[in-house]
Amino acid sequence: MNDDVTTAALEAWVRRFAALVAQERDHLTELDAAIGDADHGTNLDRGMTAAVAALNELGPAGAGPMLTKVGMTLVSTVGGASGPLYGTLFLRMGTALGDTPSVTADRLGEALRAGLDGVVARGKAQAEDKTMYDALAPAVDAVQRGLKDGLSLGAALDRARAAAEAGRDATTPMLARKGRASYLGERSVGHQDPGATSVALLVAAAADTLG
């Protein structure tokens, strides 16, 4: 079963993600204080606020250009690792979707895969490195597997939400192998990864708006 996804729905996803980031900003920063620079929440909130402002000024646009605008805004306004990584995610998705007013669910799944591939290329992360990959990869897998099994997009995204949350939670006992957290060695064990936590918000926003 395929469900077409409009540009308006994708924009609603971005806006919902921005709202969730603002709501959880202090929690994300608290998580980052334990194993990073204590700025993930504030940086991502600033970037998503700028992205929403950019969308307000963009006017009518296809799915690809809209997500590309989000990605470019994040790269230019967010410091640290989250700006380039989230920016790349949206940029790759925008390229994959192209300038169309709506896309099929399968094509959205392919765009999410392209975004994940971009994050991997940029950050060189893999499973169990204790990064955003540990929540994003299972979520993308769940979407595409669900669609292949004939689920509606909403049902596939519900699976993705659960997969992202499980991936987020699984980072707590992991030893960090990437980023500033890796400098802590064994002291990184026992702390939930902030990047995986914000990815869970991204996927939850998608389930709320695209399904």
Protein backbone atom coordinates (compact mmCIF):
# COMPACT_ATOMS: atom_id res chain seq x y z
CA MET A 1 0.00 0.00 0.00
CA ASN A 2 1.39 3.40 -1.00
CA ASP A 3 0.35 6.76 0.41
CA ASP A 4 1.36 9.93 -1.42
CA VAL A 5 3.11 12.47 0.79
CA THR A 6 2.65 16.12 -0.07
CA THR A 7 5.18 18.90 0.33
CA ALA A 8 2.82 20.44 2.90
CA ALA A 9 3.02 17.25 4.98
CA LEU A 10 6.81 17.23 4.76
CA GLU A 11 6.88 20.86 5.86
CA ALA A 12 4.60 19.96 8.77
CA TRP A 13 7.14 17.26 9.70
CA VAL A 14 9.95 19.82 9.83
CA ARG A 15 7.86 22.20 11.91
CA ARG A 16 6.82 19.44 14.29
CA PHE A 17 10.47 18.40 14.72
CA ALA A 18 11.40 22.01 15.48
CA ALA A 19 8.66 22.16 18.13
CA LEU A 20 9.82 18.92 19.75
CA VAL A 21 13.45 20.10 19.77
CA ALA A 22 12.39 23.35 21.45
CA GLN A 23 10.40 21.38 23.99
CA GLU A 24 13.29 19.00 24.73
CA ARG A 25 16.14 21.50 24.32
CA ASP A 26 17.20 21.49 27.96
CA HIS A 27 17.04 17.70 28.19
CA LEU A 28 19.17 17.30 25.05
CA THR A 29 21.71 19.75 26.44
CA GLU A 30 21.74 17.95 29.79
CA LEU A 31 22.47 14.65 28.03
CA ASP A 32 25.25 16.33 26.05
CA ALA A 33 26.73 17.86 29.19
CA ALA A 34 27.55 14.35 30.44
CA ILE A 35 29.50 13.19 27.37
CA GLY A 36 29.89 16.14 24.99
CA ASP A 37 30.02 19.93 24.76
CA ALA A 38 26.72 20.61 26.55
CA ASP A 39 25.33 22.36 23.47
CA HIS A 40 23.35 19.80 21.44
CA GLY A 41 19.96 21.06 22.56
CA THR A 42 20.75 24.76 22.21
CA ASN A 43 22.50 24.32 18.86
CA LEU A 44 19.78 22.16 17.32
CA ASP A 45 17.04 24.43 18.65
CA ARG A 46 18.74 27.45 17.11
CA GLY A 47 19.12 25.62 13.80
CA MET A 48 15.54 24.41 13.65
CA THR A 49 14.23 27.84 14.62
CA ALA A 50 16.23 29.27 11.71
CA ALA A 51 14.93 26.50 9.42
CA VAL A 52 11.32 27.32 10.25
CA ALA A 53 12.01 31.02 9.63
CA ALA A 54 13.54 30.09 6.27
CA LEU A 55 10.44 28.08 5.37
CA ASN A 56 8.24 31.05 6.28
CA GLU A 57 10.13 33.09 3.68
CA LEU A 58 10.46 30.37 1.04
CA GLY A 59 6.99 30.45 -0.47
CA PRO A 60 5.65 27.65 -2.69
CA ALA A 61 8.26 24.98 -3.41
CA GLY A 62 8.49 21.32 -4.28
CA ALA A 63 9.44 18.64 -1.77
CA GLY A 64 13.11 18.58 -2.73
CA PRO A 65 13.79 22.33 -2.69
CA MET A 66 11.94 22.67 0.61
CA LEU A 67 14.04 20.02 2.37
CA THR A 68 17.19 21.34 0.69
CA LYS A 69 16.47 24.77 2.17
CA VAL A 70 16.16 23.19 5.61
CA GLY A 71 19.46 21.37 5.16
CA MET A 72 21.33 24.45 3.95
CA THR A 73 19.99 26.47 6.86
CA LEU A 74 21.12 23.88 9.40
CA VAL A 75 24.61 23.67 7.90
CA SER A 76 24.98 27.45 7.98
CA THR A 77 23.54 28.13 11.45
CA VAL A 78 24.41 25.16 13.68
CA GLY A 79 27.83 24.62 15.18
CA GLY A 80 29.40 21.37 16.31
CA ALA A 81 28.59 18.05 14.68
CA SER A 82 24.80 18.31 14.63
CA GLY A 83 24.61 21.05 11.98
CA PRO A 84 26.60 19.24 9.29
CA LEU A 85 25.01 15.87 10.11
CA TYR A 86 21.37 16.97 10.23
CA GLY A 87 22.03 19.36 7.36
CA THR A 88 23.40 16.52 5.25
CA LEU A 89 20.42 14.35 6.15
CA PHE A 90 17.95 16.93 4.82
CA LEU A 91 20.11 17.89 1.84
CA ARG A 92 20.39 14.29 0.66
CA MET A 93 16.66 13.77 1.15
CA GLY A 94 15.93 16.90 -0.85
CA THR A 95 18.13 15.74 -3.71
CA ALA A 96 16.49 12.31 -3.71
CA LEU A 97 12.94 13.71 -3.79
CA GLY A 98 13.39 16.30 -6.51
CA ASP A 99 11.05 19.16 -7.38
CA THR A 100 7.65 17.47 -7.14
CA PRO A 101 4.57 18.52 -5.15
CA SER A 102 4.10 15.01 -3.71
CA VAL A 103 5.98 11.72 -3.50
CA THR A 104 5.01 8.10 -2.95
CA ALA A 105 5.69 6.40 0.35
CA ASP A 106 8.29 4.18 -1.31
CA ARG A 107 10.11 7.20 -2.66
CA LEU A 108 10.07 8.79 0.77
CA GLY A 109 11.64 5.61 2.13
CA GLU A 110 14.34 5.83 -0.52
CA ALA A 111 14.95 9.47 0.39
CA LEU A 112 15.32 8.55 4.06
CA ARG A 113 17.86 5.92 3.02
CA ALA A 114 19.74 8.54 1.00
CA GLY A 115 19.73 10.81 4.04
CA LEU A 116 21.10 8.02 6.23
CA ASP A 117 23.82 7.31 3.67
CA GLY A 118 24.74 10.99 3.75
CA VAL A 119 25.05 10.94 7.54
CA VAL A 120 27.31 7.88 7.31
CA ALA A 121 29.47 9.52 4.64
CA ARG A 122 29.78 12.69 6.70
CA GLY A 123 30.27 11.19 10.16
CA LYS A 124 31.79 7.78 9.34
CA ALA A 125 29.64 6.23 12.08
CA GLN A 126 28.40 2.67 12.21
CA ALA A 127 26.28 0.56 14.52
CA GLU A 128 27.12 0.72 18.23
CA ASP A 129 29.41 3.73 17.94
CA LYS A 130 26.96 5.53 20.30
CA THR A 131 25.81 8.18 17.82
CA MET A 132 22.67 9.33 16.03
CA TYR A 133 23.23 6.40 13.63
CA ASP A 134 22.11 3.95 16.32
CA ALA A 135 18.58 5.44 16.24
CA LEU A 136 18.44 6.56 12.60
CA ALA A 137 19.52 3.34 10.88
CA PRO A 138 16.96 1.09 12.64
CA ALA A 139 14.23 3.65 11.91
CA VAL A 140 15.02 3.80 8.19
CA ASP A 141 15.21 0.01 8.06
CA ALA A 142 11.82 -0.23 9.76
CA VAL A 143 10.15 2.18 7.32
CA GLN A 144 11.43 0.45 4.21
CA ARG A 145 10.78 -3.04 5.56
CA GLY A 146 7.27 -2.10 6.60
CA LEU A 147 6.44 -0.62 3.20
CA LYS A 148 7.88 -3.69 1.48
CA ASP A 149 5.64 -5.86 3.66
CA GLY A 150 2.59 -3.91 2.48
CA LEU A 151 2.03 -1.70 5.51
CA SER A 152 0.60 1.77 5.16
CA LEU A 153 3.07 4.61 5.60
CA GLY A 154 1.51 5.42 8.97
CA ALA A 155 2.01 1.86 10.23
CA ALA A 156 5.57 1.77 8.86
CA LEU A 157 6.38 5.06 10.59
CA ASP A 158 4.94 3.77 13.86
CA ARG A 159 7.39 0.87 13.59
CA ALA A 160 10.15 3.36 12.83
CA ARG A 161 9.27 5.38 15.93
CA ALA A 162 9.57 2.26 18.09
CA ALA A 163 12.83 1.30 16.38
CA ALA A 164 14.33 4.76 16.90
CA GLU A 165 13.35 4.78 20.57
CA ALA A 166 14.84 1.32 21.07
CA GLY A 167 18.02 2.44 19.31
CA ARG A 168 18.17 5.56 21.48
CA ASP A 169 17.80 3.54 24.67
CA ALA A 170 20.39 1.01 23.53
CA THR A 171 23.07 3.73 23.41
CA THR A 172 23.11 4.08 27.20
CA PRO A 173 25.32 1.03 27.96
CA MET A 174 27.50 1.56 24.86
CA LEU A 175 31.12 2.71 24.87
CA ALA A 176 31.39 5.78 22.65
CA ARG A 177 33.65 5.31 19.64
CA LYS A 178 32.99 8.57 17.77
CA GLY A 179 32.98 12.27 18.55
CA ARG A 180 33.89 14.03 21.77
CA ALA A 181 32.19 11.33 23.82
CA SER A 182 34.84 8.86 22.63
CA TYR A 183 37.48 10.85 24.52
CA LEU A 184 35.86 9.79 27.79
CA GLY A 185 36.49 6.09 27.21
CA GLU A 186 34.73 3.96 29.82
CA ARG A 187 33.18 7.06 31.40
CA SER A 188 30.88 7.35 28.37
CA VAL A 189 29.15 4.13 29.43
CA GLY A 190 25.85 4.68 31.22
CA HIS A 191 24.87 7.87 29.40
CA GLN A 192 22.19 8.11 26.70
CA ASP A 193 23.50 9.60 23.47
CA PRO A 194 22.03 13.06 22.75
CA GLY A 195 22.22 12.62 18.96
CA ALA A 196 20.27 9.38 19.08
CA THR A 197 17.79 11.11 21.37
CA SER A 198 17.17 13.96 18.93
CA VAL A 199 16.80 11.44 16.06
CA ALA A 200 14.04 9.75 18.05
CA LEU A 201 12.30 13.16 18.12
CA LEU A 202 12.75 13.48 14.34
CA VAL A 203 11.17 10.08 13.73
CA ALA A 204 8.38 10.74 16.22
CA ALA A 205 7.62 13.97 14.35
CA ALA A 206 7.45 12.02 11.10
CA ALA A 207 5.05 9.49 12.60
CA ASP A 208 2.89 12.33 13.94
CA THR A 209 2.65 14.22 10.64
CA LEU A 210 3.30 11.90 7.68
CA GLY A 211 1.26 8.86 8.64
